[in-house]
Amino acid sequence: VHPRKFQQTAGIILSIVPIILILLTNIWILFIAGSYTRKRTGRGGPKRSAVTMVACICWAFLLSWTPFLAIWICDLCHIKVPPICITIAEHAITINAVINPVIYTATNNTFRVFLIGL
């Protein structure tokens, strides 16, 4: 086995396994959150708010990191990626860092009151 080919194959495997685990874990969390909110009728209270917050954060993570991880895999496979795609992926990650506090503020009343009090 050629050492460079082995290194490339190992790199792809070692990057795809964590990506798949992260995606499956987030999808599982979203599934649990969705089934929890379907079981609850009416106002759900703080638990419903927490489930909504977790679901929003998981979706934001999935939507913002998937392009970057796809480009990373393409780079490992030596597939040429247009520069605009790289720029979009980098900005998506930055947007995720900005969106998380907004999600916390929008879904958590205690956090919102604390921020207003500052």
PDB file of N, CA and C in Angstrom:
ATOM      1  N   VAL A   1       0.856  -1.170   0.000  1.00  0.00           N
ATOM      2  CA  VAL A   1       0.000   0.000   0.000  1.00  0.00           C
ATOM      3  C   VAL A   1       0.901   1.232   0.000  1.00  0.00           C
ATOM      4  N   HIS A   2       0.588   2.134  -0.886  1.00  0.00           N
ATOM      5  CA  HIS A   2       1.359   3.366  -0.997  1.00  0.00           C
ATOM      6  C   HIS A   2       1.090   4.241   0.231  1.00  0.00           C
ATOM      7  N   PRO A   3       2.149   4.788   0.881  1.00  0.00           N
ATOM      8  CA  PRO A   3       1.951   5.552   2.123  1.00  0.00           C
ATOM      9  C   PRO A   3       1.041   6.769   1.937  1.00  0.00           C
ATOM     10  N   ARG A   4       1.142   7.447   0.814  1.00  0.00           N
ATOM     11  CA  ARG A   4       0.306   8.638   0.593  1.00  0.00           C
ATOM     12  C   ARG A   4      -1.171   8.247   0.468  1.00  0.00           C
ATOM     13  N   LYS A   5      -1.430   7.155  -0.242  1.00  0.00           N
ATOM     14  CA  LYS A   5      -2.806   6.686  -0.402  1.00  0.00           C
ATOM     15  C   LYS A   5      -3.382   6.237   0.942  1.00  0.00           C
ATOM     16  N   PHE A   6      -2.550   5.559   1.748  1.00  0.00           N
ATOM     17  CA  PHE A   6      -2.983   5.132   3.079  1.00  0.00           C
ATOM     18  C   PHE A   6      -3.299   6.349   3.946  1.00  0.00           C
ATOM     19  N   GLN A   7      -2.445   7.372   3.877  1.00  0.00           N
ATOM     20  CA  GLN A   7      -2.645   8.584   4.669  1.00  0.00           C
ATOM     21  C   GLN A   7      -3.951   9.274   4.252  1.00  0.00           C
ATOM     22  N   GLN A   8      -4.221   9.335   2.953  1.00  0.00           N
ATOM     23  CA  GLN A   8      -5.443   9.957   2.461  1.00  0.00           C
ATOM     24  C   GLN A   8      -6.671   9.166   2.923  1.00  0.00           C
ATOM     25  N   THR A   9      -6.616   7.852   2.791  1.00  0.00           N
ATOM     26  CA  THR A   9      -7.741   7.011   3.202  1.00  0.00           C
ATOM     27  C   THR A   9      -7.979   7.115   4.704  1.00  0.00           C
ATOM     28  N   ALA A  10      -6.909   7.083   5.485  1.00  0.00           N
ATOM     29  CA  ALA A  10      -7.048   7.216   6.938  1.00  0.00           C
ATOM     30  C   ALA A  10      -7.627   8.578   7.303  1.00  0.00           C
ATOM     31  N   GLY A  11      -7.181   9.625   6.616  1.00  0.00           N
ATOM     32  CA  GLY A  11      -7.705  10.967   6.877  1.00  0.00           C
ATOM     33  C   GLY A  11      -9.187  11.064   6.590  1.00  0.00           C
ATOM     34  N   ILE A  12      -9.615  10.449   5.491  1.00  0.00           N
ATOM     35  CA  ILE A  12     -11.035  10.473   5.144  1.00  0.00           C
ATOM     36  C   ILE A  12     -11.849   9.713   6.182  1.00  0.00           C
ATOM     37  N   ILE A  13     -11.387   8.526   6.546  1.00  0.00           N
ATOM     38  CA  ILE A  13     -12.117   7.721   7.533  1.00  0.00           C
ATOM     39  C   ILE A  13     -12.163   8.427   8.882  1.00  0.00           C
ATOM     40  N   LEU A  14     -11.035   8.985   9.309  1.00  0.00           N
ATOM     41  CA  LEU A  14     -10.978   9.640  10.614  1.00  0.00           C
ATOM     42  C   LEU A  14     -11.750  10.953  10.645  1.00  0.00           C
ATOM     43  N   SER A  15     -12.068  11.511   9.489  1.00  0.00           N
ATOM     44  CA  SER A  15     -12.884  12.722   9.487  1.00  0.00           C
ATOM     45  C   SER A  15     -14.357  12.406   9.284  1.00  0.00           C
ATOM     46  N   ILE A  16     -14.661  11.359   8.540  1.00  0.00           N
ATOM     47  CA  ILE A  16     -16.059  11.028   8.277  1.00  0.00           C
ATOM     48  C   ILE A  16     -16.734  10.418   9.504  1.00  0.00           C
ATOM     49  N   VAL A  17     -16.038   9.597  10.256  1.00  0.00           N
ATOM     50  CA  VAL A  17     -16.648   8.958  11.435  1.00  0.00           C
ATOM     51  C   VAL A  17     -17.126   9.994  12.453  1.00  0.00           C
ATOM     52  N   PRO A  18     -16.302  10.984  12.857  1.00  0.00           N
ATOM     53  CA  PRO A  18     -16.829  11.989  13.792  1.00  0.00           C
ATOM     54  C   PRO A  18     -17.969  12.805  13.198  1.00  0.00           C
ATOM     55  N   ILE A  19     -17.899  13.114  11.899  1.00  0.00           N
ATOM     56  CA  ILE A  19     -18.965  13.884  11.268  1.00  0.00           C
ATOM     57  C   ILE A  19     -20.274  13.111  11.324  1.00  0.00           C
ATOM     58  N   ILE A  20     -20.228  11.832  11.004  1.00  0.00           N
ATOM     59  CA  ILE A  20     -21.433  11.004  11.050  1.00  0.00           C
ATOM     60  C   ILE A  20     -21.962  10.919  12.481  1.00  0.00           C
ATOM     61  N   LEU A  21     -21.078  10.757  13.452  1.00  0.00           N
ATOM     62  CA  LEU A  21     -21.519  10.688  14.854  1.00  0.00           C
ATOM     63  C   LEU A  21     -22.172  11.997  15.297  1.00  0.00           C
ATOM     64  N   ILE A  22     -21.581  13.122  14.904  1.00  0.00           N
ATOM     65  CA  ILE A  22     -22.154  14.423  15.263  1.00  0.00           C
ATOM     66  C   ILE A  22     -23.518  14.598  14.613  1.00  0.00           C
ATOM     67  N   LEU A  23     -23.628  14.285  13.325  1.00  0.00           N
ATOM     68  CA  LEU A  23     -24.906  14.430  12.636  1.00  0.00           C
ATOM     69  C   LEU A  23     -25.970  13.504  13.220  1.00  0.00           C
ATOM     70  N   LEU A  24     -25.614  12.246  13.479  1.00  0.00           N
ATOM     71  CA  LEU A  24     -26.586  11.305  14.050  1.00  0.00           C
ATOM     72  C   LEU A  24     -27.023  11.722  15.449  1.00  0.00           C
ATOM     73  N   THR A  25     -26.089  12.203  16.253  1.00  0.00           N
ATOM     74  CA  THR A  25     -26.423  12.660  17.602  1.00  0.00           C
ATOM     75  C   THR A  25     -27.380  13.841  17.555  1.00  0.00           C
ATOM     76  N   ASN A  26     -27.102  14.808  16.670  1.00  0.00           N
ATOM     77  CA  ASN A  26     -27.987  15.968  16.560  1.00  0.00           C
ATOM     78  C   ASN A  26     -29.353  15.581  16.025  1.00  0.00           C
ATOM     79  N   ILE A  27     -29.397  14.676  15.073  1.00  0.00           N
ATOM     80  CA  ILE A  27     -30.686  14.222  14.556  1.00  0.00           C
ATOM     81  C   ILE A  27     -31.464  13.491  15.644  1.00  0.00           C
ATOM     82  N   TRP A  28     -30.766  12.684  16.444  1.00  0.00           N
ATOM     83  CA  TRP A  28     -31.419  11.977  17.554  1.00  0.00           C
ATOM     84  C   TRP A  28     -31.986  12.977  18.569  1.00  0.00           C
ATOM     85  N   ILE A  29     -31.219  14.008  18.903  1.00  0.00           N
ATOM     86  CA  ILE A  29     -31.697  15.040  19.835  1.00  0.00           C
ATOM     87  C   ILE A  29     -32.938  15.719  19.270  1.00  0.00           C
ATOM     88  N   LEU A  30     -32.914  16.038  17.971  1.00  0.00           N
ATOM     89  CA  LEU A  30     -34.072  16.670  17.351  1.00  0.00           C
ATOM     90  C   LEU A  30     -35.283  15.740  17.364  1.00  0.00           C
ATOM     91  N   PHE A  31     -35.061  14.462  17.139  1.00  0.00           N
ATOM     92  CA  PHE A  31     -36.155  13.490  17.176  1.00  0.00           C
ATOM     93  C   PHE A  31     -36.770  13.426  18.570  1.00  0.00           C
ATOM     94  N   ILE A  32     -35.929  13.336  19.594  1.00  0.00           N
ATOM     95  CA  ILE A  32     -36.414  13.290  20.978  1.00  0.00           C
ATOM     96  C   ILE A  32     -37.146  14.581  21.325  1.00  0.00           C
ATOM     97  N   ALA A  33     -36.577  15.716  20.915  1.00  0.00           N
ATOM     98  CA  ALA A  33     -37.220  16.999  21.201  1.00  0.00           C
ATOM     99  C   ALA A  33     -38.572  17.095  20.515  1.00  0.00           C
ATOM    100  N   GLY A  34     -38.639  16.644  19.262  1.00  0.00           N
ATOM    101  CA  GLY A  34     -39.906  16.680  18.537  1.00  0.00           C
ATOM    102  C   GLY A  34     -40.953  15.775  19.156  1.00  0.00           C
ATOM    103  N   SER A  35     -40.562  14.570  19.578  1.00  0.00           N
ATOM    104  CA  SER A  35     -41.530  13.657  20.188  1.00  0.00           C
ATOM    105  C   SER A  35     -41.977  14.185  21.546  1.00  0.00           C
ATOM    106  N   TYR A  36     -41.087  14.870  22.255  1.00  0.00           N
ATOM    107  CA  TYR A  36     -41.452  15.434  23.554  1.00  0.00           C
ATOM    108  C   TYR A  36     -42.484  16.550  23.385  1.00  0.00           C
ATOM    109  N   THR A  37     -42.249  17.419  22.389  1.00  0.00           N
ATOM    110  CA  THR A  37     -43.191  18.525  22.200  1.00  0.00           C
ATOM    111  C   THR A  37     -44.523  18.029  21.655  1.00  0.00           C
ATOM    112  N   ARG A  38     -44.554  16.931  20.883  1.00  0.00           N
ATOM    113  CA  ARG A  38     -45.815  16.384  20.388  1.00  0.00           C
ATOM    114  C   ARG A  38     -46.633  15.764  21.519  1.00  0.00           C
ATOM    115  N   LYS A  39     -45.952  15.226  22.529  1.00  0.00           N
ATOM    116  CA  LYS A  39     -46.658  14.613  23.659  1.00  0.00           C
ATOM    117  C   LYS A  39     -47.324  15.672  24.529  1.00  0.00           C
ATOM    118  N   ARG A  40     -46.714  16.834  24.570  1.00  0.00           N
ATOM    119  CA  ARG A  40     -47.235  17.902  25.412  1.00  0.00           C
ATOM    120  C   ARG A  40     -48.314  18.674  24.662  1.00  0.00           C
ATOM    121  N   THR A  41     -49.376  18.955  25.354  1.00  0.00           N
ATOM    122  CA  THR A  41     -50.409  19.800  24.768  1.00  0.00           C
ATOM    123  C   THR A  41     -50.499  21.053  25.608  1.00  0.00           C
ATOM    124  N   GLY A  42     -50.934  22.090  24.995  1.00  0.00           N
ATOM    125  CA  GLY A  42     -51.049  23.335  25.737  1.00  0.00           C
ATOM    126  C   GLY A  42     -49.716  24.030  25.861  1.00  0.00           C
ATOM    127  N   ARG A  43     -49.509  24.648  26.988  1.00  0.00           N
ATOM    128  CA  ARG A  43     -48.346  25.498  27.184  1.00  0.00           C
ATOM    129  C   ARG A  43     -47.140  24.693  27.557  1.00  0.00           C
ATOM    130  N   GLY A  44     -46.699  23.816  27.803  1.00  0.00           N
ATOM    131  CA  GLY A  44     -45.508  23.035  28.067  1.00  0.00           C
ATOM    132  C   GLY A  44     -44.582  23.570  29.131  1.00  0.00           C
ATOM    133  N   GLY A  45     -44.619  24.884  29.428  1.00  0.00           N
ATOM    134  CA  GLY A  45     -43.788  25.462  30.472  1.00  0.00           C
ATOM    135  C   GLY A  45     -42.311  25.491  30.133  1.00  0.00           C
ATOM    136  N   PRO A  46     -41.486  25.510  31.203  1.00  0.00           N
ATOM    137  CA  PRO A  46     -40.045  25.647  30.994  1.00  0.00           C
ATOM    138  C   PRO A  46     -39.414  24.477  30.248  1.00  0.00           C
ATOM    139  N   LYS A  47     -39.963  23.275  30.427  1.00  0.00           N
ATOM    140  CA  LYS A  47     -39.397  22.125  29.724  1.00  0.00           C
ATOM    141  C   LYS A  47     -39.578  22.272  28.218  1.00  0.00           C
ATOM    142  N   ARG A  48     -40.728  22.746  27.799  1.00  0.00           N
ATOM    143  CA  ARG A  48     -40.979  22.950  26.376  1.00  0.00           C
ATOM    144  C   ARG A  48     -40.032  24.015  25.822  1.00  0.00           C
ATOM    145  N   SER A  49     -39.793  25.051  26.595  1.00  0.00           N
ATOM    146  CA  SER A  49     -38.862  26.105  26.171  1.00  0.00           C
ATOM    147  C   SER A  49     -37.449  25.548  26.022  1.00  0.00           C
ATOM    148  N   ALA A  50     -37.045  24.697  26.944  1.00  0.00           N
ATOM    149  CA  ALA A  50     -35.709  24.096  26.869  1.00  0.00           C
ATOM    150  C   ALA A  50     -35.593  23.173  25.660  1.00  0.00           C
ATOM    151  N   VAL A  51     -36.644  22.416  25.390  1.00  0.00           N
ATOM    152  CA  VAL A  51     -36.635  21.520  24.232  1.00  0.00           C
ATOM    153  C   VAL A  51     -36.568  22.330  22.943  1.00  0.00           C
ATOM    154  N   THR A  52     -37.311  23.424  22.881  1.00  0.00           N
ATOM    155  CA  THR A  52     -37.283  24.298  21.705  1.00  0.00           C
ATOM    156  C   THR A  52     -35.889  24.877  21.516  1.00  0.00           C
ATOM    157  N   MET A  53     -35.264  25.299  22.605  1.00  0.00           N
ATOM    158  CA  MET A  53     -33.927  25.871  22.532  1.00  0.00           C
ATOM    159  C   MET A  53     -32.920  24.836  22.024  1.00  0.00           C
ATOM    160  N   VAL A  54     -32.977  23.630  22.552  1.00  0.00           N
ATOM    161  CA  VAL A  54     -32.050  22.580  22.114  1.00  0.00           C
ATOM    162  C   VAL A  54     -32.266  22.254  20.638  1.00  0.00           C
ATOM    163  N   ALA A  55     -33.513  22.174  20.231  1.00  0.00           N
ATOM    164  CA  ALA A  55     -33.807  21.885  18.821  1.00  0.00           C
ATOM    165  C   ALA A  55     -33.277  22.988  17.914  1.00  0.00           C
ATOM    166  N   CYS A  56     -33.470  24.224  18.301  1.00  0.00           N
ATOM    167  CA  CYS A  56     -32.973  25.351  17.489  1.00  0.00           C
ATOM    168  C   CYS A  56     -31.457  25.353  17.406  1.00  0.00           C
ATOM    169  N   ILE A  57     -30.790  25.083  18.507  1.00  0.00           N
ATOM    170  CA  ILE A  57     -29.324  25.065  18.510  1.00  0.00           C
ATOM    171  C   ILE A  57     -28.800  23.913  17.659  1.00  0.00           C
ATOM    172  N   CYS A  58     -29.456  22.759  17.742  1.00  0.00           N
ATOM    173  CA  CYS A  58     -29.038  21.623  16.909  1.00  0.00           C
ATOM    174  C   CYS A  58     -29.210  21.925  15.426  1.00  0.00           C
ATOM    175  N   TRP A  59     -30.339  22.508  15.053  1.00  0.00           N
ATOM    176  CA  TRP A  59     -30.544  22.853  13.652  1.00  0.00           C
ATOM    177  C   TRP A  59     -29.536  23.891  13.192  1.00  0.00           C
ATOM    178  N   ALA A  60     -29.263  24.890  14.030  1.00  0.00           N
ATOM    179  CA  ALA A  60     -28.271  25.908  13.662  1.00  0.00           C
ATOM    180  C   ALA A  60     -26.901  25.264  13.471  1.00  0.00           C
ATOM    181  N   PHE A  61     -26.547  24.337  14.340  1.00  0.00           N
ATOM    182  CA  PHE A  61     -25.265  23.635  14.216  1.00  0.00           C
ATOM    183  C   PHE A  61     -25.208  22.845  12.912  1.00  0.00           C
ATOM    184  N   LEU A  62     -26.244  22.060  12.653  1.00  0.00           N
ATOM    185  CA  LEU A  62     -26.258  21.231  11.446  1.00  0.00           C
ATOM    186  C   LEU A  62     -26.181  22.078  10.182  1.00  0.00           C
ATOM    187  N   LEU A  63     -26.963  23.131  10.132  1.00  0.00           N
ATOM    188  CA  LEU A  63     -26.995  23.962   8.928  1.00  0.00           C
ATOM    189  C   LEU A  63     -25.714  24.759   8.714  1.00  0.00           C
ATOM    190  N   SER A  64     -25.052  25.142   9.786  1.00  0.00           N
ATOM    191  CA  SER A  64     -23.872  25.981   9.613  1.00  0.00           C
ATOM    192  C   SER A  64     -22.576  25.189   9.453  1.00  0.00           C
ATOM    193  N   TRP A  65     -22.472  24.032  10.052  1.00  0.00           N
ATOM    194  CA  TRP A  65     -21.228  23.263   9.968  1.00  0.00           C
ATOM    195  C   TRP A  65     -21.177  22.269   8.820  1.00  0.00           C
ATOM    196  N   THR A  66     -22.307  21.853   8.298  1.00  0.00           N
ATOM    197  CA  THR A  66     -22.317  20.870   7.219  1.00  0.00           C
ATOM    198  C   THR A  66     -21.554  21.330   5.972  1.00  0.00           C
ATOM    199  N   PRO A  67     -21.707  22.580   5.511  1.00  0.00           N
ATOM    200  CA  PRO A  67     -20.925  22.992   4.333  1.00  0.00           C
ATOM    201  C   PRO A  67     -19.412  22.930   4.572  1.00  0.00           C
ATOM    202  N   PHE A  68     -18.974  23.344   5.750  1.00  0.00           N
ATOM    203  CA  PHE A  68     -17.547  23.313   6.059  1.00  0.00           C
ATOM    204  C   PHE A  68     -17.025  21.880   6.079  1.00  0.00           C
ATOM    205  N   LEU A  69     -17.779  20.992   6.695  1.00  0.00           N
ATOM    206  CA  LEU A  69     -17.344  19.600   6.767  1.00  0.00           C
ATOM    207  C   LEU A  69     -17.337  18.945   5.388  1.00  0.00           C
ATOM    208  N   ALA A  70     -18.277  19.306   4.539  1.00  0.00           N
ATOM    209  CA  ALA A  70     -18.292  18.785   3.166  1.00  0.00           C
ATOM    210  C   ALA A  70     -17.065  19.270   2.395  1.00  0.00           C
ATOM    211  N   ILE A  71     -16.703  20.527   2.575  1.00  0.00           N
ATOM    212  CA  ILE A  71     -15.513  21.060   1.907  1.00  0.00           C
ATOM    213  C   ILE A  71     -14.259  20.394   2.446  1.00  0.00           C
ATOM    214  N   TRP A  72     -14.243  20.117   3.737  1.00  0.00           N
ATOM    215  CA  TRP A  72     -13.087  19.455   4.341  1.00  0.00           C
ATOM    216  C   TRP A  72     -12.889  18.068   3.724  1.00  0.00           C
ATOM    217  N   ILE A  73     -13.981  17.337   3.548  1.00  0.00           N
ATOM    218  CA  ILE A  73     -13.896  16.012   2.933  1.00  0.00           C
ATOM    219  C   ILE A  73     -13.450  16.128   1.473  1.00  0.00           C
ATOM    220  N   CYS A  74     -13.982  17.113   0.762  1.00  0.00           N
ATOM    221  CA  CYS A  74     -13.554  17.328  -0.630  1.00  0.00           C
ATOM    222  C   CYS A  74     -12.063  17.624  -0.692  1.00  0.00           C
ATOM    223  N   ASP A  75     -11.568  18.399   0.246  1.00  0.00           N
ATOM    224  CA  ASP A  75     -10.141  18.714   0.287  1.00  0.00           C
ATOM    225  C   ASP A  75      -9.310  17.460   0.542  1.00  0.00           C
ATOM    226  N   LEU A  76      -9.779  16.596   1.431  1.00  0.00           N
ATOM    227  CA  LEU A  76      -9.069  15.342   1.684  1.00  0.00           C
ATOM    228  C   LEU A  76      -9.038  14.446   0.452  1.00  0.00           C
ATOM    229  N   CYS A  77     -10.083  14.522  -0.355  1.00  0.00           N
ATOM    230  CA  CYS A  77     -10.159  13.708  -1.580  1.00  0.00           C
ATOM    231  C   CYS A  77      -9.514  14.410  -2.771  1.00  0.00           C
ATOM    232  N   HIS A  78      -8.928  15.575  -2.528  1.00  0.00           N
ATOM    233  CA  HIS A  78      -8.292  16.380  -3.577  1.00  0.00           C
ATOM    234  C   HIS A  78      -9.284  16.790  -4.657  1.00  0.00           C
ATOM    235  N   ILE A  79     -10.491  17.111  -4.242  1.00  0.00           N
ATOM    236  CA  ILE A  79     -11.509  17.631  -5.147  1.00  0.00           C
ATOM    237  C   ILE A  79     -11.467  19.149  -5.053  1.00  0.00           C
ATOM    238  N   LYS A  80     -11.351  19.789  -6.185  1.00  0.00           N
ATOM    239  CA  LYS A  80     -11.261  21.250  -6.223  1.00  0.00           C
ATOM    240  C   LYS A  80     -12.611  21.857  -5.857  1.00  0.00           C
ATOM    241  N   VAL A  81     -12.583  22.779  -4.895  1.00  0.00           N
ATOM    242  CA  VAL A  81     -13.791  23.455  -4.441  1.00  0.00           C
ATOM    243  C   VAL A  81     -13.672  24.930  -4.821  1.00  0.00           C
ATOM    244  N   PRO A  82     -14.704  25.514  -5.425  1.00  0.00           N
ATOM    245  CA  PRO A  82     -14.636  26.934  -5.782  1.00  0.00           C
ATOM    246  C   PRO A  82     -14.438  27.815  -4.547  1.00  0.00           C
ATOM    247  N   PRO A  83     -13.660  28.879  -4.681  1.00  0.00           N
ATOM    248  CA  PRO A  83     -13.398  29.762  -3.531  1.00  0.00           C
ATOM    249  C   PRO A  83     -14.669  30.340  -2.905  1.00  0.00           C
ATOM    250  N   ILE A  84     -15.692  30.584  -3.706  1.00  0.00           N
ATOM    251  CA  ILE A  84     -16.932  31.136  -3.151  1.00  0.00           C
ATOM    252  C   ILE A  84     -17.581  30.157  -2.175  1.00  0.00           C
ATOM    253  N   CYS A  85     -17.469  28.869  -2.440  1.00  0.00           N
ATOM    254  CA  CYS A  85     -18.023  27.855  -1.530  1.00  0.00           C
ATOM    255  C   CYS A  85     -17.276  27.860  -0.199  1.00  0.00           C
ATOM    256  N   ILE A  86     -15.966  28.031  -0.273  1.00  0.00           N
ATOM    257  CA  ILE A  86     -15.163  28.096   0.957  1.00  0.00           C
ATOM    258  C   ILE A  86     -15.550  29.323   1.766  1.00  0.00           C
ATOM    259  N   THR A  87     -15.721  30.446   1.092  1.00  0.00           N
ATOM    260  CA  THR A  87     -16.115  31.680   1.775  1.00  0.00           C
ATOM    261  C   THR A  87     -17.480  31.525   2.438  1.00  0.00           C
ATOM    262  N   ILE A  88     -18.429  30.938   1.725  1.00  0.00           N
ATOM    263  CA  ILE A  88     -19.770  30.729   2.284  1.00  0.00           C
ATOM    264  C   ILE A  88     -19.705  29.813   3.505  1.00  0.00           C
ATOM    265  N   ALA A  89     -18.911  28.745   3.424  1.00  0.00           N
ATOM    266  CA  ALA A  89     -18.786  27.816   4.555  1.00  0.00           C
ATOM    267  C   ALA A  89     -18.164  28.502   5.770  1.00  0.00           C
ATOM    268  N   GLU A  90     -17.147  29.321   5.548  1.00  0.00           N
ATOM    269  CA  GLU A  90     -16.515  30.028   6.664  1.00  0.00           C
ATOM    270  C   GLU A  90     -17.480  31.015   7.308  1.00  0.00           C
ATOM    271  N   HIS A  91     -18.258  31.708   6.502  1.00  0.00           N
ATOM    272  CA  HIS A  91     -19.223  32.659   7.053  1.00  0.00           C
ATOM    273  C   HIS A  91     -20.363  31.943   7.780  1.00  0.00           C
ATOM    274  N   ALA A  92     -20.731  30.765   7.310  1.00  0.00           N
ATOM    275  CA  ALA A  92     -21.795  30.001   7.987  1.00  0.00           C
ATOM    276  C   ALA A  92     -21.369  29.637   9.408  1.00  0.00           C
ATOM    277  N   ILE A  93     -20.098  29.286   9.579  1.00  0.00           N
ATOM    278  CA  ILE A  93     -19.600  28.957  10.921  1.00  0.00           C
ATOM    279  C   ILE A  93     -19.643  30.194  11.818  1.00  0.00           C
ATOM    280  N   THR A  94     -19.243  31.329  11.278  1.00  0.00           N
ATOM    281  CA  THR A  94     -19.277  32.571  12.050  1.00  0.00           C
ATOM    282  C   THR A  94     -20.705  32.927  12.425  1.00  0.00           C
ATOM    283  N   ILE A  95     -21.611  32.750  11.489  1.00  0.00           N
ATOM    284  CA  ILE A  95     -23.017  33.047  11.768  1.00  0.00           C
ATOM    285  C   ILE A  95     -23.544  32.144  12.882  1.00  0.00           C
ATOM    286  N   ASN A  96     -23.100  30.888  12.927  1.00  0.00           N
ATOM    287  CA  ASN A  96     -23.521  29.990  13.997  1.00  0.00           C
ATOM    288  C   ASN A  96     -23.100  30.527  15.361  1.00  0.00           C
ATOM    289  N   ALA A  97     -21.902  31.078  15.444  1.00  0.00           N
ATOM    290  CA  ALA A  97     -21.437  31.633  16.719  1.00  0.00           C
ATOM    291  C   ALA A  97     -22.277  32.835  17.139  1.00  0.00           C
ATOM    292  N   VAL A  98     -22.810  33.568  16.180  1.00  0.00           N
ATOM    293  CA  VAL A  98     -23.650  34.723  16.484  1.00  0.00           C
ATOM    294  C   VAL A  98     -25.083  34.293  16.805  1.00  0.00           C
ATOM    295  N   ILE A  99     -25.544  33.247  16.136  1.00  0.00           N
ATOM    296  CA  ILE A  99     -26.937  32.820  16.298  1.00  0.00           C
ATOM    297  C   ILE A  99     -27.187  32.186  17.669  1.00  0.00           C
ATOM    298  N   ASN A 100     -26.216  31.475  18.225  1.00  0.00           N
ATOM    299  CA  ASN A 100     -26.441  30.783  19.500  1.00  0.00           C
ATOM    300  C   ASN A 100     -26.926  31.712  20.614  1.00  0.00           C
ATOM    301  N   PRO A 101     -26.281  32.860  20.873  1.00  0.00           N
ATOM    302  CA  PRO A 101     -26.815  33.747  21.921  1.00  0.00           C
ATOM    303  C   PRO A 101     -28.210  34.277  21.597  1.00  0.00           C
ATOM    304  N   VAL A 102     -28.487  34.483  20.309  1.00  0.00           N
ATOM    305  CA  VAL A 102     -29.823  34.941  19.911  1.00  0.00           C
ATOM    306  C   VAL A 102     -30.855  33.861  20.236  1.00  0.00           C
ATOM    307  N   ILE A 103     -30.513  32.622  19.983  1.00  0.00           N
ATOM    308  CA  ILE A 103     -31.430  31.517  20.293  1.00  0.00           C
ATOM    309  C   ILE A 103     -31.662  31.430  21.795  1.00  0.00           C
ATOM    310  N   TYR A 104     -30.587  31.541  22.586  1.00  0.00           N
ATOM    311  CA  TYR A 104     -30.752  31.509  24.045  1.00  0.00           C
ATOM    312  C   TYR A 104     -31.674  32.627  24.508  1.00  0.00           C
ATOM    313  N   THR A 105     -31.473  33.820  23.954  1.00  0.00           N
ATOM    314  CA  THR A 105     -32.281  34.969  24.361  1.00  0.00           C
ATOM    315  C   THR A 105     -33.737  34.797  23.945  1.00  0.00           C
ATOM    316  N   ALA A 106     -33.962  34.281  22.766  1.00  0.00           N
ATOM    317  CA  ALA A 106     -35.330  34.158  22.258  1.00  0.00           C
ATOM    318  C   ALA A 106     -36.123  33.058  22.956  1.00  0.00           C
ATOM    319  N   THR A 107     -35.448  32.008  23.422  1.00  0.00           N
ATOM    320  CA  THR A 107     -36.181  30.864  23.969  1.00  0.00           C
ATOM    321  C   THR A 107     -36.140  30.749  25.488  1.00  0.00           C
ATOM    322  N   ASN A 108     -35.281  31.479  26.150  1.00  0.00           N
ATOM    323  CA  ASN A 108     -35.141  31.338  27.593  1.00  0.00           C
ATOM    324  C   ASN A 108     -35.489  32.659  28.267  1.00  0.00           C
ATOM    325  N   ASN A 109     -36.601  32.683  28.970  1.00  0.00           N
ATOM    326  CA  ASN A 109     -37.080  33.900  29.612  1.00  0.00           C
ATOM    327  C   ASN A 109     -36.109  34.394  30.687  1.00  0.00           C
ATOM    328  N   THR A 110     -35.550  33.488  31.492  1.00  0.00           N
ATOM    329  CA  THR A 110     -34.606  33.877  32.541  1.00  0.00           C
ATOM    330  C   THR A 110     -33.377  34.533  31.939  1.00  0.00           C
ATOM    331  N   PHE A 111     -32.854  33.967  30.885  1.00  0.00           N
ATOM    332  CA  PHE A 111     -31.685  34.530  30.205  1.00  0.00           C
ATOM    333  C   PHE A 111     -32.025  35.902  29.633  1.00  0.00           C
ATOM    334  N   ARG A 112     -33.225  36.040  29.048  1.00  0.00           N
ATOM    335  CA  ARG A 112     -33.665  37.308  28.462  1.00  0.00           C
ATOM    336  C   ARG A 112     -33.758  38.387  29.534  1.00  0.00           C
ATOM    337  N   VAL A 113     -34.361  38.069  30.673  1.00  0.00           N
ATOM    338  CA  VAL A 113     -34.498  39.033  31.764  1.00  0.00           C
ATOM    339  C   VAL A 113     -33.126  39.451  32.294  1.00  0.00           C
ATOM    340  N   PHE A 114     -32.211  38.478  32.404  1.00  0.00           N
ATOM    341  CA  PHE A 114     -30.864  38.788  32.868  1.00  0.00           C
ATOM    342  C   PHE A 114     -30.158  39.742  31.909  1.00  0.00           C
ATOM    343  N   LEU A 115     -30.266  39.514  30.604  1.00  0.00           N
ATOM    344  CA  LEU A 115     -29.618  40.392  29.630  1.00  0.00           C
ATOM    345  C   LEU A 115     -30.219  41.792  29.647  1.00  0.00           C
ATOM    346  N   ILE A 116     -31.523  41.879  29.798  1.00  0.00           N
ATOM    347  CA  ILE A 116     -32.162  43.194  29.861  1.00  0.00           C
ATOM    348  C   ILE A 116     -31.724  43.933  31.105  1.00  0.00           C
ATOM    349  N   GLY A 117     -31.493  43.195  32.192  1.00  0.00           N
ATOM    350  CA  GLY A 117     -31.051  43.808  33.456  1.00  0.00           C
ATOM    351  C   GLY A 117     -29.629  44.327  33.418  1.00  0.00           C
ATOM    352  N   LEU A 118     -28.820  43.879  32.457  1.00  0.00           N
ATOM    353  CA  LEU A 118     -27.444  44.360  32.356  1.00  0.00           C
ATOM    354  C   LEU A 118     -27.473  45.758  31.878  1.00  0.00           C
TER     355      LEU A 118
END
